Amino acid sequence: MADPKPHANPLFLTEEETRAGLDLLLAAASAIARVGEGLLADRGIGRAHRRLLALIGRQPGVTLAELAASLGLPKQSASRQIAELVERSLVAVRNHPSDGRRKALRLTPAGRELDDVLWSLERREIARAYRKAGAEAVDGFKMVMGDLARIGGSTGRRSGAAAPRRRP
């Protein structure tokens, strides 16, 4: 088990330390995304589709607009990816129970099966890292990640911050 009181850097807010934190965050997200890449590639889909599968699996009935907002994606981009998942019989689209104009998204049985397999691979890696770090570190990690997730609400942008540039 990891040392429960690692030697913390008292200068944790320096440019160097915050950049190192961002580098680790990006590397970790990339590593977790790679865990199931082969399974996704076998179905002709990628990481962006995985994010959608995960969110739809945890929020059955979510709408396209809600998904796009929570991921900070344009609705057109999210719609294209959802259409690809529907085409592969991984996501089903139904009329929303309270508003027929809106479309509710759910995983199909095949989508649920894929999501479950991917989650089991991801969970194994996350649990391994949690076990190695220890409970106190995991609590700190969740606190930091929770705070970062709240930046700018559901879009992930700080209020007043410029919108990300679109690629030509």
Protein backbone atom coordinates (compact mmCIF):
# COMPACT_ATOMS: atom_id res chain seq x y z
CA MET A 1 0.00 0.00 0.00
CA ALA A 2 1.16 3.53 -0.70
CA ASP A 3 2.59 5.71 2.03
CA PRO A 4 -0.59 7.32 3.48
CA LYS A 5 1.21 10.63 3.99
CA PRO A 6 3.34 11.15 0.88
CA HIS A 7 5.74 14.04 1.05
CA ALA A 8 3.65 16.81 -0.45
CA ASN A 9 5.27 19.70 -2.24
CA PRO A 10 4.39 22.85 -0.27
CA LEU A 11 4.74 24.76 -3.56
CA PHE A 12 1.92 22.85 -5.25
CA LEU A 13 0.46 25.93 -6.98
CA THR A 14 3.53 26.78 -9.04
CA GLU A 15 3.37 26.84 -12.83
CA GLU A 16 5.53 23.71 -12.96
CA GLU A 17 3.33 21.75 -10.52
CA THR A 18 0.02 22.75 -12.10
CA ARG A 19 1.33 21.92 -15.59
CA ALA A 20 2.55 18.55 -14.30
CA GLY A 21 -0.94 17.95 -12.88
CA LEU A 22 -2.57 18.73 -16.21
CA ASP A 23 -0.08 16.48 -18.02
CA LEU A 24 -0.96 13.62 -15.66
CA LEU A 25 -4.69 14.25 -16.05
CA LEU A 26 -4.45 14.12 -19.85
CA ALA A 27 -2.18 11.06 -19.80
CA ALA A 28 -4.53 9.22 -17.43
CA ALA A 29 -7.60 10.02 -19.54
CA SER A 30 -5.78 8.82 -22.64
CA ALA A 31 -4.61 5.61 -20.94
CA ILE A 32 -8.12 4.75 -19.73
CA ALA A 33 -9.51 5.46 -23.21
CA ARG A 34 -6.95 3.09 -24.78
CA VAL A 35 -8.03 0.18 -22.56
CA GLY A 36 -11.01 -0.66 -24.79
CA GLU A 37 -9.81 0.74 -28.11
CA GLY A 38 -9.59 -2.69 -29.75
CA LEU A 39 -13.19 -3.51 -28.90
CA LEU A 40 -14.32 -0.15 -30.22
CA ALA A 41 -12.27 -0.47 -33.41
CA ASP A 42 -13.78 -3.91 -34.04
CA ARG A 43 -17.17 -2.15 -34.21
CA GLY A 44 -15.94 0.77 -36.31
CA ILE A 45 -16.27 3.32 -33.51
CA GLY A 46 -13.83 5.26 -31.36
CA ARG A 47 -13.24 7.10 -28.10
CA ALA A 48 -15.86 9.78 -28.69
CA HIS A 49 -18.46 7.06 -29.15
CA ARG A 50 -17.29 5.44 -25.93
CA ARG A 51 -17.99 8.61 -23.98
CA LEU A 52 -21.51 8.67 -25.39
CA LEU A 53 -22.11 4.99 -24.60
CA ALA A 54 -20.94 5.52 -21.03
CA LEU A 55 -23.18 8.54 -20.46
CA ILE A 56 -26.24 6.99 -22.09
CA GLY A 57 -25.68 3.82 -20.08
CA ARG A 58 -25.61 5.77 -16.82
CA GLN A 59 -28.48 8.08 -17.79
CA PRO A 60 -31.05 6.07 -19.77
CA GLY A 61 -33.54 8.42 -21.41
CA VAL A 62 -31.04 11.28 -21.72
CA THR A 63 -31.68 13.54 -24.70
CA LEU A 64 -29.26 14.54 -27.44
CA ALA A 65 -29.27 18.15 -26.21
CA GLU A 66 -28.46 17.05 -22.64
CA LEU A 67 -25.62 14.81 -23.86
CA ALA A 68 -24.14 17.52 -26.06
CA ALA A 69 -24.27 20.03 -23.21
CA SER A 70 -22.68 17.69 -20.67
CA LEU A 71 -19.82 16.88 -23.07
CA GLY A 72 -19.41 20.43 -24.38
CA LEU A 73 -20.08 19.23 -27.94
CA PRO A 74 -22.05 20.97 -30.66
CA LYS A 75 -25.40 19.19 -31.11
CA GLN A 76 -24.54 18.49 -34.75
CA SER A 77 -21.39 16.60 -33.76
CA ALA A 78 -23.15 14.63 -31.02
CA SER A 79 -26.01 13.87 -33.42
CA ARG A 80 -23.62 12.45 -36.01
CA GLN A 81 -21.97 10.19 -33.42
CA ILE A 82 -25.34 9.06 -32.05
CA ALA A 83 -26.47 8.22 -35.59
CA GLU A 84 -23.41 6.00 -35.98
CA LEU A 85 -24.22 4.21 -32.72
CA VAL A 86 -27.85 3.75 -33.81
CA GLU A 87 -26.66 2.40 -37.18
CA ARG A 88 -24.57 -0.20 -35.31
CA SER A 89 -27.55 -1.14 -33.11
CA LEU A 90 -25.82 0.06 -29.93
CA VAL A 91 -28.22 2.92 -29.13
CA ALA A 92 -32.00 3.18 -29.52
CA VAL A 93 -33.88 6.45 -29.98
CA ARG A 94 -37.43 6.77 -28.66
CA ASN A 95 -39.87 9.61 -28.14
CA HIS A 96 -39.29 11.25 -24.76
CA PRO A 97 -42.05 10.17 -22.31
CA SER A 98 -42.92 13.74 -21.29
CA ASP A 99 -42.31 15.55 -24.60
CA GLY A 100 -42.74 13.72 -27.89
CA ARG A 101 -40.72 16.37 -29.73
CA ARG A 102 -37.60 15.33 -27.80
CA LYS A 103 -35.83 12.04 -28.37
CA ALA A 104 -34.74 9.85 -25.46
CA LEU A 105 -31.62 7.72 -25.88
CA ARG A 106 -31.05 4.26 -24.42
CA LEU A 107 -28.51 1.53 -24.93
CA THR A 108 -29.72 -1.51 -26.82
CA PRO A 109 -28.88 -4.92 -25.36
CA ALA A 110 -25.78 -4.99 -27.61
CA GLY A 111 -24.87 -1.48 -26.46
CA ARG A 112 -25.33 -2.46 -22.80
CA GLU A 113 -23.14 -5.54 -23.32
CA LEU A 114 -20.37 -3.46 -24.94
CA ASP A 115 -20.62 -0.79 -22.24
CA ASP A 116 -20.41 -3.47 -19.52
CA VAL A 117 -17.32 -5.08 -21.06
CA LEU A 118 -15.60 -1.72 -21.53
CA TRP A 119 -16.48 -0.64 -18.00
CA SER A 120 -15.08 -3.85 -16.54
CA LEU A 121 -11.75 -3.17 -18.30
CA GLU A 122 -11.74 0.48 -17.22
CA ARG A 123 -12.83 -0.37 -13.68
CA ARG A 124 -9.99 -2.87 -13.29
CA GLU A 125 -7.43 -0.16 -14.11
CA ILE A 126 -9.09 2.47 -11.94
CA ALA A 127 -9.37 0.05 -8.99
CA ARG A 128 -5.71 -0.91 -9.39
CA ALA A 129 -4.66 2.74 -9.22
CA TYR A 130 -7.01 3.42 -6.28
CA ARG A 131 -5.65 0.44 -4.36
CA LYS A 132 -2.08 1.59 -4.96
CA ALA A 133 -2.79 5.19 -3.90
CA GLY A 134 -4.91 4.45 -0.82
CA ALA A 135 -8.22 5.82 0.44
CA GLU A 136 -6.98 9.25 1.49
CA ALA A 137 -5.41 9.90 -1.91
CA VAL A 138 -8.57 8.70 -3.66
CA ASP A 139 -10.64 11.13 -1.61
CA GLY A 140 -8.27 13.96 -2.59
CA PHE A 141 -8.39 12.90 -6.22
CA LYS A 142 -12.20 12.90 -6.22
CA MET A 143 -12.24 16.33 -4.61
CA VAL A 144 -9.94 17.78 -7.26
CA MET A 145 -11.73 16.06 -10.17
CA GLY A 146 -15.15 17.09 -8.84
CA ASP A 147 -14.05 20.69 -8.60
CA LEU A 148 -12.56 20.64 -12.10
CA ALA A 149 -15.73 19.04 -13.48
CA ARG A 150 -17.77 21.98 -12.19
CA ILE A 151 -15.75 24.62 -14.06
CA GLY A 152 -18.24 26.57 -16.15
CA GLY A 153 -21.12 24.23 -15.35
CA SER A 154 -21.99 21.43 -17.73
CA THR A 155 -20.03 22.79 -20.69
CA GLY A 156 -16.65 22.53 -19.02
CA ARG A 157 -15.87 26.18 -19.85
CA ARG A 158 -15.36 28.95 -17.37
CA SER A 159 -17.99 31.62 -17.67
CA GLY A 160 -16.58 34.45 -19.74
CA ALA A 161 -13.95 32.19 -21.30
CA ALA A 162 -13.67 32.14 -25.05
CA ALA A 163 -15.25 29.22 -26.84
CA PRO A 164 -12.80 26.67 -28.15
CA ARG A 165 -11.72 27.27 -31.73
CA ARG A 166 -13.27 24.98 -34.29
CA ARG A 167 -10.98 23.21 -36.69
CA PRO A 168 -11.39 24.32 -40.31
